[in-house]
PDB file of N, CA and C in Angstrom:
ATOM      1  N   MET A   1       2.022   3.786 -15.260  1.00  0.00           N
ATOM      2  CA  MET A   1       2.452   2.232 -15.251  1.00  0.00           C
ATOM      3  C   MET A   1       1.186   1.388 -14.859  1.00  0.00           C
ATOM      4  N   PRO A   2       0.902   0.412 -15.674  1.00  0.00           N
ATOM      5  CA  PRO A   2      -0.153  -0.534 -15.505  1.00  0.00           C
ATOM      6  C   PRO A   2      -0.158  -1.255 -14.123  1.00  0.00           C
ATOM      7  N   VAL A   3      -0.998  -1.676 -13.660  1.00  0.00           N
ATOM      8  CA  VAL A   3      -1.004  -2.412 -12.330  1.00  0.00           C
ATOM      9  C   VAL A   3      -0.212  -3.758 -12.501  1.00  0.00           C
ATOM     10  N   ALA A   4      -0.479  -4.443 -13.583  1.00  0.00           N
ATOM     11  CA  ALA A   4       0.249  -5.838 -13.679  1.00  0.00           C
ATOM     12  C   ALA A   4       1.693  -5.479 -13.961  1.00  0.00           C
ATOM     13  N   GLU A   5       1.958  -4.415 -14.677  1.00  0.00           N
ATOM     14  CA  GLU A   5       3.373  -4.097 -14.750  1.00  0.00           C
ATOM     15  C   GLU A   5       4.207  -3.901 -13.350  1.00  0.00           C
ATOM     16  N   ALA A   6       3.434  -3.090 -12.498  1.00  0.00           N
ATOM     17  CA  ALA A   6       3.826  -2.759 -11.275  1.00  0.00           C
ATOM     18  C   ALA A   6       3.913  -4.067 -10.480  1.00  0.00           C
ATOM     19  N   ALA A   7       3.001  -4.862 -10.404  1.00  0.00           N
ATOM     20  CA  ALA A   7       3.068  -6.184  -9.765  1.00  0.00           C
ATOM     21  C   ALA A   7       4.147  -6.985 -10.232  1.00  0.00           C
ATOM     22  N   ARG A   8       4.525  -7.051 -11.462  1.00  0.00           N
ATOM     23  CA  ARG A   8       5.580  -7.896 -11.959  1.00  0.00           C
ATOM     24  C   ARG A   8       6.921  -7.335 -11.431  1.00  0.00           C
ATOM     25  N   GLU A   9       6.862  -6.007 -11.393  1.00  0.00           N
ATOM     26  CA  GLU A   9       8.084  -5.299 -10.948  1.00  0.00           C
ATOM     27  C   GLU A   9       8.406  -5.685  -9.279  1.00  0.00           C
ATOM     28  N   LEU A  10       7.122  -5.587  -8.667  1.00  0.00           N
ATOM     29  CA  LEU A  10       7.436  -6.051  -7.236  1.00  0.00           C
ATOM     30  C   LEU A  10       7.951  -7.515  -7.108  1.00  0.00           C
ATOM     31  N   ALA A  11       7.291  -8.396  -7.953  1.00  0.00           N
ATOM     32  CA  ALA A  11       7.567  -9.644  -7.707  1.00  0.00           C
ATOM     33  C   ALA A  11       9.116 -10.012  -7.988  1.00  0.00           C
ATOM     34  N   THR A  12       9.702  -9.236  -9.063  1.00  0.00           N
ATOM     35  CA  THR A  12      11.073  -9.447  -9.528  1.00  0.00           C
ATOM     36  C   THR A  12      12.041  -8.634  -8.606  1.00  0.00           C
ATOM     37  N   HIS A  13      11.565  -7.416  -8.130  1.00  0.00           N
ATOM     38  CA  HIS A  13      12.441  -6.560  -7.599  1.00  0.00           C
ATOM     39  C   HIS A  13      11.887  -5.880  -6.314  1.00  0.00           C
ATOM     40  N   PRO A  14      11.754  -6.799  -5.270  1.00  0.00           N
ATOM     41  CA  PRO A  14      11.069  -6.195  -4.056  1.00  0.00           C
ATOM     42  C   PRO A  14      11.678  -4.955  -3.436  1.00  0.00           C
ATOM     43  N   ILE A  15      13.129  -4.789  -3.512  1.00  0.00           N
ATOM     44  CA  ILE A  15      13.637  -3.840  -2.914  1.00  0.00           C
ATOM     45  C   ILE A  15      13.330  -2.496  -3.569  1.00  0.00           C
ATOM     46  N   PRO A  16      13.363  -2.306  -4.887  1.00  0.00           N
ATOM     47  CA  PRO A  16      12.878  -1.023  -5.350  1.00  0.00           C
ATOM     48  C   PRO A  16      11.442  -0.627  -5.091  1.00  0.00           C
ATOM     49  N   LEU A  17      10.751  -1.251  -4.205  1.00  0.00           N
ATOM     50  CA  LEU A  17       9.486  -0.974  -3.952  1.00  0.00           C
ATOM     51  C   LEU A  17       9.243   0.525  -3.560  1.00  0.00           C
ATOM     52  N   VAL A  18      10.135   1.029  -2.738  1.00  0.00           N
ATOM     53  CA  VAL A  18      10.026   2.535  -2.512  1.00  0.00           C
ATOM     54  C   VAL A  18      10.014   3.455  -3.691  1.00  0.00           C
ATOM     55  N   THR A  19      10.998   3.171  -4.685  1.00  0.00           N
ATOM     56  CA  THR A  19      11.068   3.886  -5.848  1.00  0.00           C
ATOM     57  C   THR A  19       9.785   3.781  -6.721  1.00  0.00           C
ATOM     58  N   LEU A  20       9.233   2.599  -6.895  1.00  0.00           N
ATOM     59  CA  LEU A  20       8.056   2.323  -7.458  1.00  0.00           C
ATOM     60  C   LEU A  20       6.828   3.059  -6.942  1.00  0.00           C
ATOM     61  N   VAL A  21       6.794   3.044  -5.528  1.00  0.00           N
ATOM     62  CA  VAL A  21       5.437   3.772  -4.933  1.00  0.00           C
ATOM     63  C   VAL A  21       5.764   5.195  -5.170  1.00  0.00           C
ATOM     64  N   LEU A  22       6.915   5.652  -5.201  1.00  0.00           N
ATOM     65  CA  LEU A  22       7.207   7.050  -5.376  1.00  0.00           C
ATOM     66  C   LEU A  22       6.787   7.450  -6.774  1.00  0.00           C
ATOM     67  N   ASP A  23       7.110   6.527  -7.694  1.00  0.00           N
ATOM     68  CA  ASP A  23       6.893   6.874  -9.104  1.00  0.00           C
ATOM     69  C   ASP A  23       5.419   6.921  -9.393  1.00  0.00           C
ATOM     70  N   LEU A  24       4.442   5.843  -8.637  1.00  0.00           N
ATOM     71  CA  LEU A  24       3.092   5.881  -8.684  1.00  0.00           C
ATOM     72  C   LEU A  24       2.593   7.213  -8.236  1.00  0.00           C
ATOM     73  N   LEU A  25       3.074   7.653  -7.109  1.00  0.00           N
ATOM     74  CA  LEU A  25       2.575   8.864  -6.234  1.00  0.00           C
ATOM     75  C   LEU A  25       2.789   9.948  -7.108  1.00  0.00           C
ATOM     76  N   GLY A  26       3.965  10.100  -7.589  1.00  0.00           N
ATOM     77  CA  GLY A  26       4.431  11.375  -8.404  1.00  0.00           C
ATOM     78  C   GLY A  26       4.301  12.549  -7.566  1.00  0.00           C
ATOM     79  N   THR A  27       4.649  12.502  -6.169  1.00  0.00           N
ATOM     80  CA  THR A  27       4.305  13.633  -5.298  1.00  0.00           C
ATOM     81  C   THR A  27       5.624  14.364  -5.041  1.00  0.00           C
ATOM     82  N   ARG A  28       5.396  15.581  -4.607  1.00  0.00           N
ATOM     83  CA  ARG A  28       6.611  16.420  -4.230  1.00  0.00           C
ATOM     84  C   ARG A  28       7.278  15.982  -2.896  1.00  0.00           C
ATOM     85  N   LYS A  29       6.361  15.269  -2.118  1.00  0.00           N
ATOM     86  CA  LYS A  29       6.888  14.833  -0.833  1.00  0.00           C
ATOM     87  C   LYS A  29       7.712  13.561  -0.956  1.00  0.00           C
ATOM     88  N   ALA A  30       8.052  13.222  -2.292  1.00  0.00           N
ATOM     89  CA  ALA A  30       8.874  11.787  -2.359  1.00  0.00           C
ATOM     90  C   ALA A  30      10.152  11.859  -1.367  1.00  0.00           C
ATOM     91  N   PRO A  31      10.902  13.098  -1.439  1.00  0.00           N
ATOM     92  CA  PRO A  31      12.138  12.762  -0.634  1.00  0.00           C
ATOM     93  C   PRO A  31      11.889  12.555   0.897  1.00  0.00           C
ATOM     94  N   GLU A  32      10.764  13.280   1.342  1.00  0.00           N
ATOM     95  CA  GLU A  32      10.446  12.948   2.645  1.00  0.00           C
ATOM     96  C   GLU A  32       9.985  11.561   2.901  1.00  0.00           C
ATOM     97  N   ILE A  33       9.070  11.153   2.094  1.00  0.00           N
ATOM     98  CA  ILE A  33       8.730   9.621   2.243  1.00  0.00           C
ATOM     99  C   ILE A  33       9.931   8.688   2.198  1.00  0.00           C
ATOM    100  N   GLN A  34      10.729   8.946   1.198  1.00  0.00           N
ATOM    101  CA  GLN A  34      11.918   8.209   0.935  1.00  0.00           C
ATOM    102  C   GLN A  34      12.905   8.045   2.183  1.00  0.00           C
ATOM    103  N   SER A  35      13.095   9.351   2.970  1.00  0.00           N
ATOM    104  CA  SER A  35      13.874   9.482   4.087  1.00  0.00           C
ATOM    105  C   SER A  35      13.152   8.571   5.185  1.00  0.00           C
ATOM    106  N   ALA A  36      11.927   8.764   5.374  1.00  0.00           N
ATOM    107  CA  ALA A  36      11.048   8.242   6.401  1.00  0.00           C
ATOM    108  C   ALA A  36      11.155   6.656   6.254  1.00  0.00           C
ATOM    109  N   LEU A  37      11.032   6.101   4.997  1.00  0.00           N
ATOM    110  CA  LEU A  37      11.202   4.734   4.757  1.00  0.00           C
ATOM    111  C   LEU A  37      12.626   4.315   5.190  1.00  0.00           C
ATOM    112  N   THR A  38      13.682   4.957   4.832  1.00  0.00           N
ATOM    113  CA  THR A  38      15.026   4.739   4.996  1.00  0.00           C
ATOM    114  C   THR A  38      15.317   4.468   6.455  1.00  0.00           C
ATOM    115  N   GLU A  39      14.615   5.370   7.450  1.00  0.00           N
ATOM    116  CA  GLU A  39      14.703   5.339   8.821  1.00  0.00           C
ATOM    117  C   GLU A  39      14.249   4.162   9.265  1.00  0.00           C
ATOM    118  N   LEU A  40      13.139   3.516   8.570  1.00  0.00           N
ATOM    119  CA  LEU A  40      12.549   2.364   8.993  1.00  0.00           C
ATOM    120  C   LEU A  40      13.368   1.120   8.911  1.00  0.00           C
ATOM    121  N   ARG A  41      14.121   1.056   7.947  1.00  0.00           N
ATOM    122  CA  ARG A  41      15.027  -0.077   7.763  1.00  0.00           C
ATOM    123  C   ARG A  41      15.903  -0.414   8.858  1.00  0.00           C
TER     124      ARG A  41
END
């Protein structure tokens, strides 16, 4: 995903930031990261 498109997504949808970051990382640790971020809320 281009950076500009990602920035636009963040500007219009701040809440799916976690999903966007996980998409950009494309890592197997995505569930761990998501659960950690969920605990922070």
